[in-house]
PDB file of N, CA and C in Angstrom:
ATOM      1  N   MET A   1     -19.375 -34.338  69.251  1.00  0.00           N
ATOM      2  CA  MET A   1     -17.980 -34.304  68.903  1.00  0.00           C
ATOM      3  C   MET A   1     -17.832 -34.880  67.500  1.00  0.00           C
ATOM      4  N   TYR A   2     -16.996 -34.241  66.688  1.00  0.00           N
ATOM      5  CA  TYR A   2     -16.772 -34.647  65.306  1.00  0.00           C
ATOM      6  C   TYR A   2     -15.277 -34.810  65.055  1.00  0.00           C
ATOM      7  N   LEU A   3     -14.911 -35.849  64.349  1.00  0.00           N
ATOM      8  CA  LEU A   3     -13.515 -36.105  64.010  1.00  0.00           C
ATOM      9  C   LEU A   3     -13.238 -35.678  62.572  1.00  0.00           C
ATOM     10  N   PHE A   4     -12.029 -35.210  62.330  1.00  0.00           N
ATOM     11  CA  PHE A   4     -11.648 -34.832  60.975  1.00  0.00           C
ATOM     12  C   PHE A   4     -10.143 -35.003  60.787  1.00  0.00           C
ATOM     13  N   GLN A   5      -9.733 -34.929  59.538  1.00  0.00           N
ATOM     14  CA  GLN A   5      -8.323 -34.928  59.188  1.00  0.00           C
ATOM     15  C   GLN A   5      -8.056 -33.699  58.321  1.00  0.00           C
ATOM     16  N   LEU A   6      -6.844 -33.165  58.432  1.00  0.00           N
ATOM     17  CA  LEU A   6      -6.412 -32.114  57.515  1.00  0.00           C
ATOM     18  C   LEU A   6      -5.629 -32.794  56.403  1.00  0.00           C
ATOM     19  N   TYR A   7      -6.109 -32.607  55.187  1.00  0.00           N
ATOM     20  CA  TYR A   7      -5.472 -33.194  54.019  1.00  0.00           C
ATOM     21  C   TYR A   7      -4.848 -32.082  53.192  1.00  0.00           C
ATOM     22  N   ARG A   8      -3.538 -32.136  53.046  1.00  0.00           N
ATOM     23  CA  ARG A   8      -2.808 -31.084  52.346  1.00  0.00           C
ATOM     24  C   ARG A   8      -2.487 -31.533  50.925  1.00  0.00           C
ATOM     25  N   ASP A   9      -3.041 -30.813  49.960  1.00  0.00           N
ATOM     26  CA  ASP A   9      -2.767 -31.105  48.546  1.00  0.00           C
ATOM     27  C   ASP A   9      -1.415 -30.546  48.107  1.00  0.00           C
ATOM     28  N   VAL A  10      -1.067 -29.369  48.619  1.00  0.00           N
ATOM     29  CA  VAL A  10       0.179 -28.695  48.267  1.00  0.00           C
ATOM     30  C   VAL A  10       0.800 -28.172  49.557  1.00  0.00           C
ATOM     31  N   ASP A  11       2.072 -28.480  49.774  1.00  0.00           N
ATOM     32  CA  ASP A  11       2.789 -27.998  50.958  1.00  0.00           C
ATOM     33  C   ASP A  11       3.554 -26.732  50.577  1.00  0.00           C
ATOM     34  N   ILE A  12       2.925 -25.576  50.786  1.00  0.00           N
ATOM     35  CA  ILE A  12       3.533 -24.321  50.337  1.00  0.00           C
ATOM     36  C   ILE A  12       4.748 -23.921  51.169  1.00  0.00           C
ATOM     37  N   ASN A  13       4.855 -24.438  52.416  1.00  0.00           N
ATOM     38  CA  ASN A  13       5.980 -24.083  53.278  1.00  0.00           C
ATOM     39  C   ASN A  13       7.113 -25.101  53.229  1.00  0.00           C
ATOM     40  N   GLY A  14       6.859 -26.283  52.656  1.00  0.00           N
ATOM     41  CA  GLY A  14       7.885 -27.315  52.600  1.00  0.00           C
ATOM     42  C   GLY A  14       8.200 -27.942  53.947  1.00  0.00           C
ATOM     43  N   ILE A  15       7.224 -27.943  54.859  1.00  0.00           N
ATOM     44  CA  ILE A  15       7.470 -28.456  56.212  1.00  0.00           C
ATOM     45  C   ILE A  15       6.699 -29.743  56.484  1.00  0.00           C
ATOM     46  N   SER A  16       5.395 -29.717  56.270  1.00  0.00           N
ATOM     47  CA  SER A  16       4.557 -30.833  56.701  1.00  0.00           C
ATOM     48  C   SER A  16       4.315 -31.879  55.627  1.00  0.00           C
ATOM     49  N   GLY A  17       4.655 -31.589  54.396  1.00  0.00           N
ATOM     50  CA  GLY A  17       4.420 -32.546  53.325  1.00  0.00           C
ATOM     51  C   GLY A  17       2.984 -32.490  52.835  1.00  0.00           C
ATOM     52  N   THR A  18       2.606 -33.495  52.062  1.00  0.00           N
ATOM     53  CA  THR A  18       1.249 -33.567  51.519  1.00  0.00           C
ATOM     54  C   THR A  18       0.543 -34.789  52.085  1.00  0.00           C
ATOM     55  N   GLY A  19      -0.743 -34.883  51.778  1.00  0.00           N
ATOM     56  CA  GLY A  19      -1.560 -35.967  52.340  1.00  0.00           C
ATOM     57  C   GLY A  19      -2.103 -35.563  53.695  1.00  0.00           C
ATOM     58  N   ILE A  20      -2.391 -36.538  54.533  1.00  0.00           N
ATOM     59  CA  ILE A  20      -2.939 -36.263  55.867  1.00  0.00           C
ATOM     60  C   ILE A  20      -1.814 -35.752  56.759  1.00  0.00           C
ATOM     61  N   VAL A  21      -1.959 -34.529  57.242  1.00  0.00           N
ATOM     62  CA  VAL A  21      -0.920 -33.907  58.065  1.00  0.00           C
ATOM     63  C   VAL A  21      -1.345 -33.719  59.518  1.00  0.00           C
ATOM     64  N   ALA A  22      -2.650 -33.826  59.786  1.00  0.00           N
ATOM     65  CA  ALA A  22      -3.134 -33.650  61.160  1.00  0.00           C
ATOM     66  C   ALA A  22      -4.479 -34.330  61.317  1.00  0.00           C
ATOM     67  N   GLU A  23      -4.771 -34.700  62.564  1.00  0.00           N
ATOM     68  CA  GLU A  23      -6.089 -35.205  62.931  1.00  0.00           C
ATOM     69  C   GLU A  23      -6.695 -34.209  63.903  1.00  0.00           C
ATOM     70  N   GLY A  24      -8.003 -34.123  63.899  1.00  0.00           N
ATOM     71  CA  GLY A  24      -8.622 -33.149  64.780  1.00  0.00           C
ATOM     72  C   GLY A  24      -9.953 -33.596  65.327  1.00  0.00           C
ATOM     73  N   VAL A  25     -10.368 -32.865  66.337  1.00  0.00           N
ATOM     74  CA  VAL A  25     -11.664 -33.070  66.952  1.00  0.00           C
ATOM     75  C   VAL A  25     -12.334 -31.729  67.111  1.00  0.00           C
ATOM     76  N   GLU A  26     -13.595 -31.641  66.705  1.00  0.00           N
ATOM     77  CA  GLU A  26     -14.399 -30.447  66.947  1.00  0.00           C
ATOM     78  C   GLU A  26     -15.400 -30.802  68.032  1.00  0.00           C
ATOM     79  N   PHE A  27     -15.368 -30.084  69.135  1.00  0.00           N
ATOM     80  CA  PHE A  27     -16.247 -30.359  70.268  1.00  0.00           C
ATOM     81  C   PHE A  27     -17.604 -29.690  70.082  1.00  0.00           C
ATOM     82  N   SER A  28     -18.562 -30.096  70.881  1.00  0.00           N
ATOM     83  CA  SER A  28     -19.930 -29.587  70.749  1.00  0.00           C
ATOM     84  C   SER A  28     -20.019 -28.081  70.980  1.00  0.00           C
ATOM     85  N   ASN A  29     -19.043 -27.497  71.676  1.00  0.00           N
ATOM     86  CA  ASN A  29     -19.049 -26.041  71.878  1.00  0.00           C
ATOM     87  C   ASN A  29     -18.371 -25.292  70.730  1.00  0.00           C
ATOM     88  N   GLY A  30     -17.907 -26.033  69.705  1.00  0.00           N
ATOM     89  CA  GLY A  30     -17.290 -25.415  68.539  1.00  0.00           C
ATOM     90  C   GLY A  30     -15.778 -25.326  68.583  1.00  0.00           C
ATOM     91  N   SER A  31     -15.166 -25.535  69.746  1.00  0.00           N
ATOM     92  CA  SER A  31     -13.711 -25.464  69.825  1.00  0.00           C
ATOM     93  C   SER A  31     -13.086 -26.701  69.182  1.00  0.00           C
ATOM     94  N   VAL A  32     -11.825 -26.566  68.779  1.00  0.00           N
ATOM     95  CA  VAL A  32     -11.131 -27.592  67.998  1.00  0.00           C
ATOM     96  C   VAL A  32      -9.761 -27.867  68.595  1.00  0.00           C
ATOM     97  N   VAL A  33      -9.347 -29.128  68.569  1.00  0.00           N
ATOM     98  CA  VAL A  33      -7.979 -29.511  68.910  1.00  0.00           C
ATOM     99  C   VAL A  33      -7.405 -30.278  67.730  1.00  0.00           C
ATOM    100  N   LEU A  34      -6.205 -29.882  67.307  1.00  0.00           N
ATOM    101  CA  LEU A  34      -5.494 -30.560  66.224  1.00  0.00           C
ATOM    102  C   LEU A  34      -4.311 -31.318  66.796  1.00  0.00           C
ATOM    103  N   SER A  35      -4.030 -32.481  66.234  1.00  0.00           N
ATOM    104  CA  SER A  35      -2.839 -33.247  66.550  1.00  0.00           C
ATOM    105  C   SER A  35      -2.039 -33.374  65.261  1.00  0.00           C
ATOM    106  N   TRP A  36      -0.909 -32.687  65.216  1.00  0.00           N
ATOM    107  CA  TRP A  36      -0.055 -32.687  64.026  1.00  0.00           C
ATOM    108  C   TRP A  36       0.843 -33.909  64.061  1.00  0.00           C
ATOM    109  N   SER A  37       1.017 -34.552  62.902  1.00  0.00           N
ATOM    110  CA  SER A  37       1.692 -35.845  62.895  1.00  0.00           C
ATOM    111  C   SER A  37       2.783 -35.969  61.845  1.00  0.00           C
ATOM    112  N   PHE A  38       3.468 -34.884  61.526  1.00  0.00           N
ATOM    113  CA  PHE A  38       4.481 -34.966  60.480  1.00  0.00           C
ATOM    114  C   PHE A  38       5.888 -35.009  61.071  1.00  0.00           C
ATOM    115  N   GLY A  39       6.797 -35.690  60.371  1.00  0.00           N
ATOM    116  CA  GLY A  39       8.205 -35.721  60.759  1.00  0.00           C
ATOM    117  C   GLY A  39       8.427 -36.283  62.148  1.00  0.00           C
ATOM    118  N   ASP A  40       9.419 -35.738  62.819  1.00  0.00           N
ATOM    119  CA  ASP A  40       9.764 -36.169  64.171  1.00  0.00           C
ATOM    120  C   ASP A  40       8.959 -35.417  65.227  1.00  0.00           C
ATOM    121  N   TYR A  41       8.116 -34.483  64.802  1.00  0.00           N
ATOM    122  CA  TYR A  41       7.394 -33.633  65.735  1.00  0.00           C
ATOM    123  C   TYR A  41       5.919 -34.028  65.789  1.00  0.00           C
ATOM    124  N   HIS A  42       5.409 -34.172  66.986  1.00  0.00           N
ATOM    125  CA  HIS A  42       3.997 -34.481  67.197  1.00  0.00           C
ATOM    126  C   HIS A  42       3.480 -33.455  68.199  1.00  0.00           C
ATOM    127  N   THR A  43       2.778 -32.464  67.700  1.00  0.00           N
ATOM    128  CA  THR A  43       2.317 -31.378  68.548  1.00  0.00           C
ATOM    129  C   THR A  43       0.799 -31.292  68.539  1.00  0.00           C
ATOM    130  N   HIS A  44       0.278 -30.536  69.487  1.00  0.00           N
ATOM    131  CA  HIS A  44      -1.164 -30.320  69.578  1.00  0.00           C
ATOM    132  C   HIS A  44      -1.431 -28.825  69.570  1.00  0.00           C
ATOM    133  N   GLU A  45      -2.582 -28.484  69.021  1.00  0.00           N
ATOM    134  CA  GLU A  45      -2.953 -27.079  68.904  1.00  0.00           C
ATOM    135  C   GLU A  45      -4.442 -26.938  69.196  1.00  0.00           C
ATOM    136  N   SER A  46      -4.787 -25.933  69.949  1.00  0.00           N
ATOM    137  CA  SER A  46      -6.185 -25.641  70.261  1.00  0.00           C
ATOM    138  C   SER A  46      -6.606 -24.378  69.521  1.00  0.00           C
ATOM    139  N   LEU A  47      -7.772 -24.435  68.879  1.00  0.00           N
ATOM    140  CA  LEU A  47      -8.292 -23.296  68.128  1.00  0.00           C
ATOM    141  C   LEU A  47      -9.754 -23.076  68.500  1.00  0.00           C
ATOM    142  N   PRO A  48     -10.258 -21.860  68.306  1.00  0.00           N
ATOM    143  CA  PRO A  48     -11.619 -21.556  68.740  1.00  0.00           C
ATOM    144  C   PRO A  48     -12.722 -22.149  67.866  1.00  0.00           C
ATOM    145  N   SER A  49     -12.399 -22.522  66.597  1.00  0.00           N
ATOM    146  CA  SER A  49     -13.452 -22.997  65.698  1.00  0.00           C
ATOM    147  C   SER A  49     -12.845 -23.660  64.465  1.00  0.00           C
ATOM    148  N   ILE A  50     -13.669 -24.394  63.734  1.00  0.00           N
ATOM    149  CA  ILE A  50     -13.224 -25.000  62.484  1.00  0.00           C
ATOM    150  C   ILE A  50     -12.951 -23.923  61.433  1.00  0.00           C
ATOM    151  N   SER A  51     -13.652 -22.805  61.519  1.00  0.00           N
ATOM    152  CA  SER A  51     -13.368 -21.717  60.576  1.00  0.00           C
ATOM    153  C   SER A  51     -11.975 -21.130  60.835  1.00  0.00           C
ATOM    154  N   ALA A  52     -11.541 -21.110  62.087  1.00  0.00           N
ATOM    155  CA  ALA A  52     -10.183 -20.659  62.405  1.00  0.00           C
ATOM    156  C   ALA A  52      -9.159 -21.634  61.833  1.00  0.00           C
ATOM    157  N   VAL A  53      -9.447 -22.928  61.900  1.00  0.00           N
ATOM    158  CA  VAL A  53      -8.560 -23.942  61.318  1.00  0.00           C
ATOM    159  C   VAL A  53      -8.408 -23.689  59.820  1.00  0.00           C
ATOM    160  N   ARG A  54      -9.525 -23.502  59.149  1.00  0.00           N
ATOM    161  CA  ARG A  54      -9.480 -23.260  57.698  1.00  0.00           C
ATOM    162  C   ARG A  54      -8.752 -21.960  57.366  1.00  0.00           C
ATOM    163  N   HIS A  55      -8.975 -20.932  58.168  1.00  0.00           N
ATOM    164  CA  HIS A  55      -8.341 -19.638  57.916  1.00  0.00           C
ATOM    165  C   HIS A  55      -6.825 -19.715  58.109  1.00  0.00           C
ATOM    166  N   ILE A  56      -6.386 -20.354  59.181  1.00  0.00           N
ATOM    167  CA  ILE A  56      -4.959 -20.400  59.522  1.00  0.00           C
ATOM    168  C   ILE A  56      -4.209 -21.447  58.708  1.00  0.00           C
ATOM    169  N   HIS A  57      -4.807 -22.627  58.533  1.00  0.00           N
ATOM    170  CA  HIS A  57      -4.085 -23.753  57.937  1.00  0.00           C
ATOM    171  C   HIS A  57      -4.574 -24.152  56.549  1.00  0.00           C
ATOM    172  N   GLY A  58      -5.604 -23.500  56.049  1.00  0.00           N
ATOM    173  CA  GLY A  58      -6.190 -23.885  54.769  1.00  0.00           C
ATOM    174  C   GLY A  58      -5.374 -23.514  53.556  1.00  0.00           C
ATOM    175  N   HIS A  59      -4.505 -22.521  53.691  1.00  0.00           N
ATOM    176  CA  HIS A  59      -3.639 -22.086  52.588  1.00  0.00           C
ATOM    177  C   HIS A  59      -4.430 -21.917  51.291  1.00  0.00           C
ATOM    178  N   THR A  60      -5.490 -21.141  51.392  1.00  0.00           N
ATOM    179  CA  THR A  60      -6.366 -20.815  50.250  1.00  0.00           C
ATOM    180  C   THR A  60      -6.788 -22.049  49.456  1.00  0.00           C
ATOM    181  N   GLY A  61      -7.256 -23.055  50.189  1.00  0.00           N
ATOM    182  CA  GLY A  61      -7.799 -24.255  49.557  1.00  0.00           C
ATOM    183  C   GLY A  61      -6.794 -25.368  49.304  1.00  0.00           C
ATOM    184  N   LYS A  62      -5.530 -25.156  49.628  1.00  0.00           N
ATOM    185  CA  LYS A  62      -4.517 -26.184  49.402  1.00  0.00           C
ATOM    186  C   LYS A  62      -4.525 -27.249  50.496  1.00  0.00           C
ATOM    187  N   THR A  63      -5.217 -26.969  51.604  1.00  0.00           N
ATOM    188  CA  THR A  63      -5.420 -27.945  52.680  1.00  0.00           C
ATOM    189  C   THR A  63      -6.912 -28.003  52.963  1.00  0.00           C
ATOM    190  N   ARG A  64      -7.437 -29.226  53.000  1.00  0.00           N
ATOM    191  CA  ARG A  64      -8.881 -29.425  53.177  1.00  0.00           C
ATOM    192  C   ARG A  64      -9.187 -30.145  54.483  1.00  0.00           C
ATOM    193  N   VAL A  65     -10.367 -29.881  55.019  1.00  0.00           N
ATOM    194  CA  VAL A  65     -10.890 -30.611  56.172  1.00  0.00           C
ATOM    195  C   VAL A  65     -11.700 -31.787  55.646  1.00  0.00           C
ATOM    196  N   LEU A  66     -11.309 -32.989  56.053  1.00  0.00           N
ATOM    197  CA  LEU A  66     -12.030 -34.209  55.685  1.00  0.00           C
ATOM    198  C   LEU A  66     -12.714 -34.746  56.933  1.00  0.00           C
ATOM    199  N   TRP A  67     -14.031 -34.681  56.984  1.00  0.00           N
ATOM    200  CA  TRP A  67     -14.796 -35.146  58.141  1.00  0.00           C
ATOM    201  C   TRP A  67     -14.842 -36.667  58.145  1.00  0.00           C
ATOM    202  N   LYS A  68     -14.741 -37.263  59.306  1.00  0.00           N
ATOM    203  CA  LYS A  68     -14.757 -38.717  59.469  1.00  0.00           C
ATOM    204  C   LYS A  68     -16.104 -39.145  60.036  1.00  0.00           C
ATOM    205  N   ASN A  69     -16.587 -40.287  59.594  1.00  0.00           N
ATOM    206  CA  ASN A  69     -17.828 -40.856  60.139  1.00  0.00           C
ATOM    207  C   ASN A  69     -17.508 -41.611  61.427  1.00  0.00           C
ATOM    208  N   LEU A  70     -18.347 -41.420  62.426  1.00  0.00           N
ATOM    209  CA  LEU A  70     -18.166 -42.158  63.688  1.00  0.00           C
ATOM    210  C   LEU A  70     -18.883 -43.489  63.630  1.00  0.00           C
TER     211      LEU A  70
END
């Protein structure tokens, strides 16, 4: 299991802001769960892979995955 944060350099939608916008876990089978932490809303999202996270939420490099050391 690997921990990461989504770090947004530019908020193209004007919703989540910049900086750390979500925390995530990548499981040994490759699936991912994100916990979004912006504003008054705290939601969770399940995705099939870290590549799906980058594709959906990466905004062409404006949001980065920052891996955390355990």
